[in-house]
Amino acid sequence: MSYLATISKKGLMTIPSEVRRKYGLKDGDKVRIIDQGGSLLIVPLMDIKALYGLGREHKEDLLVMIRELEAEHDEEAEL
């Protein structure tokens, strides 16, 4: 699926409402913009509080996610 967005003079981009609904994006939510060398990838970031209560069956998945977040944090700290 493809969507069109316009960038304002201030550099703001409005994410289409259909996309916001699909991914549960609300005012104040964050997204990561990844430069893929010729294209941009916009990835919604999950609020860490949303992970609370997922249960023990997801423990390993959560540990992997935490390690990935820590690695990203370390990379950004080096910049």
N, C-alpha and C. Protein backbone atom coordinates (compact mmCIF):
# COMPACT_ATOMS: atom_id res chain seq x y z
N MET A 1 0.85 -1.17 0.00
CA MET A 1 0.00 0.00 0.00
C MET A 1 0.90 1.23 0.00
N SER A 2 0.49 2.24 -0.71
CA SER A 2 1.25 3.48 -0.82
C SER A 2 0.39 4.65 -0.37
N TYR A 3 0.99 5.61 0.31
CA TYR A 3 0.28 6.79 0.80
C TYR A 3 1.06 8.03 0.42
N LEU A 4 0.36 9.14 0.30
CA LEU A 4 0.99 10.41 -0.03
C LEU A 4 0.94 11.32 1.19
N ALA A 5 2.07 11.94 1.51
CA ALA A 5 2.13 12.90 2.61
C ALA A 5 2.88 14.13 2.11
N THR A 6 2.54 15.28 2.63
CA THR A 6 3.17 16.54 2.24
C THR A 6 3.96 17.08 3.42
N ILE A 7 5.15 17.60 3.12
CA ILE A 7 5.99 18.18 4.16
C ILE A 7 5.75 19.69 4.18
N SER A 8 5.51 20.24 5.37
CA SER A 8 5.25 21.67 5.52
C SER A 8 6.55 22.46 5.50
N LYS A 9 6.43 23.79 5.45
CA LYS A 9 7.61 24.66 5.49
C LYS A 9 8.44 24.43 6.74
N LYS A 10 7.79 24.03 7.82
CA LYS A 10 8.49 23.78 9.08
C LYS A 10 9.06 22.37 9.16
N GLY A 11 8.91 21.59 8.09
CA GLY A 11 9.45 20.23 8.08
C GLY A 11 8.53 19.20 8.69
N LEU A 12 7.28 19.57 8.96
CA LEU A 12 6.33 18.63 9.55
C LEU A 12 5.65 17.81 8.47
N MET A 13 5.42 16.54 8.77
CA MET A 13 4.73 15.65 7.85
C MET A 13 3.52 15.08 8.57
N THR A 14 2.37 15.12 7.92
CA THR A 14 1.17 14.54 8.50
C THR A 14 1.03 13.11 7.99
N ILE A 15 0.99 12.17 8.90
CA ILE A 15 0.78 10.76 8.54
C ILE A 15 -0.71 10.58 8.28
N PRO A 16 -1.08 10.02 7.14
CA PRO A 16 -2.50 9.86 6.81
C PRO A 16 -3.27 9.14 7.93
N SER A 17 -4.52 9.56 8.14
CA SER A 17 -5.33 9.02 9.24
C SER A 17 -5.50 7.51 9.14
N GLU A 18 -5.62 6.97 7.94
CA GLU A 18 -5.77 5.52 7.78
C GLU A 18 -4.55 4.78 8.34
N VAL A 19 -3.37 5.34 8.10
CA VAL A 19 -2.12 4.73 8.60
C VAL A 19 -2.05 4.86 10.12
N ARG A 20 -2.42 6.03 10.63
CA ARG A 20 -2.40 6.23 12.09
C ARG A 20 -3.33 5.25 12.79
N ARG A 21 -4.51 5.06 12.22
CA ARG A 21 -5.46 4.09 12.81
C ARG A 21 -4.91 2.67 12.74
N LYS A 22 -4.38 2.31 11.59
CA LYS A 22 -3.87 0.94 11.39
C LYS A 22 -2.78 0.59 12.41
N TYR A 23 -1.92 1.56 12.70
CA TYR A 23 -0.80 1.30 13.60
C TYR A 23 -1.01 1.85 15.01
N GLY A 24 -2.21 2.36 15.26
CA GLY A 24 -2.54 2.85 16.60
C GLY A 24 -1.73 4.05 17.03
N LEU A 25 -1.33 4.88 16.07
CA LEU A 25 -0.52 6.06 16.38
C LEU A 25 -1.40 7.19 16.90
N LYS A 26 -0.95 7.79 18.00
CA LYS A 26 -1.69 8.89 18.61
C LYS A 26 -0.77 10.09 18.79
N ASP A 27 -1.36 11.22 19.12
CA ASP A 27 -0.60 12.45 19.36
C ASP A 27 0.52 12.18 20.37
N GLY A 28 1.73 12.57 20.01
CA GLY A 28 2.86 12.40 20.92
C GLY A 28 3.63 11.10 20.72
N ASP A 29 3.07 10.14 19.96
CA ASP A 29 3.79 8.89 19.70
C ASP A 29 5.03 9.18 18.87
N LYS A 30 6.00 8.31 18.96
CA LYS A 30 7.25 8.49 18.23
C LYS A 30 7.37 7.44 17.12
N VAL A 31 8.06 7.85 16.06
CA VAL A 31 8.41 6.93 14.97
C VAL A 31 9.90 7.09 14.71
N ARG A 32 10.50 6.04 14.22
CA ARG A 32 11.90 6.10 13.82
C ARG A 32 11.93 6.23 12.30
N ILE A 33 12.74 7.16 11.80
CA ILE A 33 12.89 7.34 10.36
C ILE A 33 14.27 6.81 10.00
N ILE A 34 14.28 5.82 9.12
CA ILE A 34 15.52 5.14 8.74
C ILE A 34 15.85 5.48 7.29
N ASP A 35 17.05 6.04 7.08
CA ASP A 35 17.52 6.36 5.74
C ASP A 35 18.07 5.08 5.12
N GLN A 36 17.42 4.64 4.05
CA GLN A 36 17.84 3.41 3.40
C GLN A 36 18.60 3.69 2.10
N GLY A 37 19.20 4.85 2.03
CA GLY A 37 19.98 5.19 0.84
C GLY A 37 19.11 5.29 -0.40
N GLY A 38 18.30 6.30 -0.47
CA GLY A 38 17.41 6.50 -1.62
C GLY A 38 15.95 6.39 -1.25
N SER A 39 15.67 5.86 -0.09
CA SER A 39 14.29 5.78 0.40
C SER A 39 14.30 5.90 1.92
N LEU A 40 13.13 6.24 2.45
CA LEU A 40 12.98 6.36 3.90
C LEU A 40 12.02 5.31 4.40
N LEU A 41 12.31 4.75 5.54
CA LEU A 41 11.44 3.78 6.19
C LEU A 41 10.98 4.41 7.50
N ILE A 42 9.67 4.45 7.71
CA ILE A 42 9.11 5.02 8.94
C ILE A 42 8.57 3.88 9.78
N VAL A 43 9.12 3.72 10.99
CA VAL A 43 8.77 2.60 11.86
C VAL A 43 8.18 3.14 13.16
N PRO A 44 6.93 2.77 13.48
CA PRO A 44 6.35 3.20 14.75
C PRO A 44 7.12 2.58 15.92
N LEU A 45 7.37 3.37 16.95
CA LEU A 45 8.04 2.87 18.15
C LEU A 45 7.00 2.53 19.20
N MET A 46 7.14 1.37 19.79
CA MET A 46 6.20 0.93 20.82
C MET A 46 6.60 1.54 22.15
N ASP A 47 5.61 2.06 22.85
CA ASP A 47 5.83 2.59 24.20
C ASP A 47 6.19 1.42 25.11
N ILE A 48 7.27 1.54 25.85
CA ILE A 48 7.73 0.45 26.71
C ILE A 48 6.65 0.05 27.71
N LYS A 49 5.79 0.99 28.10
CA LYS A 49 4.71 0.67 29.03
C LYS A 49 3.71 -0.29 28.41
N ALA A 50 3.61 -0.28 27.09
CA ALA A 50 2.68 -1.18 26.41
C ALA A 50 3.13 -2.63 26.51
N LEU A 51 4.40 -2.84 26.84
CA LEU A 51 4.93 -4.20 26.97
C LEU A 51 4.56 -4.82 28.32
N TYR A 52 4.20 -3.98 29.28
CA TYR A 52 3.89 -4.46 30.62
C TYR A 52 2.72 -5.44 30.57
N GLY A 53 2.89 -6.57 31.21
CA GLY A 53 1.81 -7.55 31.32
C GLY A 53 1.67 -8.48 30.14
N LEU A 54 2.66 -8.54 29.26
CA LEU A 54 2.55 -9.44 28.12
C LEU A 54 2.59 -10.91 28.54
N GLY A 55 3.14 -11.18 29.69
CA GLY A 55 3.14 -12.55 30.18
C GLY A 55 4.47 -13.25 29.98
N ARG A 56 4.60 -14.34 30.70
CA ARG A 56 5.84 -15.10 30.67
C ARG A 56 6.09 -15.76 29.32
N GLU A 57 5.03 -16.07 28.59
CA GLU A 57 5.21 -16.75 27.30
C GLU A 57 5.98 -15.88 26.31
N HIS A 58 6.10 -14.58 26.58
CA HIS A 58 6.82 -13.68 25.69
C HIS A 58 8.14 -13.21 26.29
N LYS A 59 8.59 -13.86 27.34
CA LYS A 59 9.79 -13.41 28.05
C LYS A 59 11.00 -13.31 27.13
N GLU A 60 11.26 -14.34 26.34
CA GLU A 60 12.43 -14.32 25.46
C GLU A 60 12.33 -13.21 24.42
N ASP A 61 11.12 -13.02 23.85
CA ASP A 61 10.92 -11.95 22.88
C ASP A 61 11.22 -10.59 23.51
N LEU A 62 10.75 -10.41 24.73
CA LEU A 62 10.99 -9.14 25.43
C LEU A 62 12.47 -8.92 25.70
N LEU A 63 13.17 -9.96 26.08
CA LEU A 63 14.61 -9.83 26.33
C LEU A 63 15.35 -9.44 25.06
N VAL A 64 14.96 -10.03 23.93
CA VAL A 64 15.57 -9.68 22.64
C VAL A 64 15.30 -8.22 22.32
N MET A 65 14.06 -7.78 22.51
CA MET A 65 13.70 -6.39 22.23
C MET A 65 14.49 -5.43 23.12
N ILE A 66 14.65 -5.78 24.38
CA ILE A 66 15.40 -4.93 25.30
C ILE A 66 16.86 -4.84 24.86
N ARG A 67 17.44 -5.96 24.47
CA ARG A 67 18.84 -5.95 24.00
C ARG A 67 18.98 -5.08 22.75
N GLU A 68 18.01 -5.17 21.83
CA GLU A 68 18.06 -4.36 20.62
C GLU A 68 17.95 -2.88 20.95
N LEU A 69 17.06 -2.53 21.87
CA LEU A 69 16.91 -1.13 22.28
C LEU A 69 18.19 -0.62 22.94
N GLU A 70 18.80 -1.45 23.77
CA GLU A 70 20.05 -1.06 24.42
C GLU A 70 21.15 -0.85 23.39
N ALA A 71 21.22 -1.72 22.37
CA ALA A 71 22.23 -1.58 21.32
C ALA A 71 22.00 -0.29 20.53
N GLU A 72 20.75 0.01 20.20
CA GLU A 72 20.43 1.26 19.50
C GLU A 72 20.83 2.46 20.34
N HIS A 73 20.55 2.39 21.62
CA HIS A 73 20.90 3.49 22.53
C HIS A 73 22.41 3.69 22.54
N ASP A 74 23.16 2.59 22.62
CA ASP A 74 24.62 2.68 22.63
C ASP A 74 25.14 3.28 21.33
N GLU A 75 24.55 2.88 20.19
CA GLU A 75 24.97 3.42 18.89
C GLU A 75 24.72 4.92 18.83
N GLU A 76 23.55 5.35 19.29
CA GLU A 76 23.21 6.78 19.26
C GLU A 76 24.11 7.57 20.20
N ALA A 77 24.51 6.98 21.31
CA ALA A 77 25.37 7.66 22.27
C ALA A 77 26.77 7.90 21.68
N GLU A 78 27.18 7.04 20.75
CA GLU A 78 28.50 7.16 20.14
C GLU A 78 28.55 8.27 19.10
N LEU A 79 27.39 8.69 18.58
CA LEU A 79 27.36 9.71 17.52
C LEU A 79 27.71 11.07 18.00
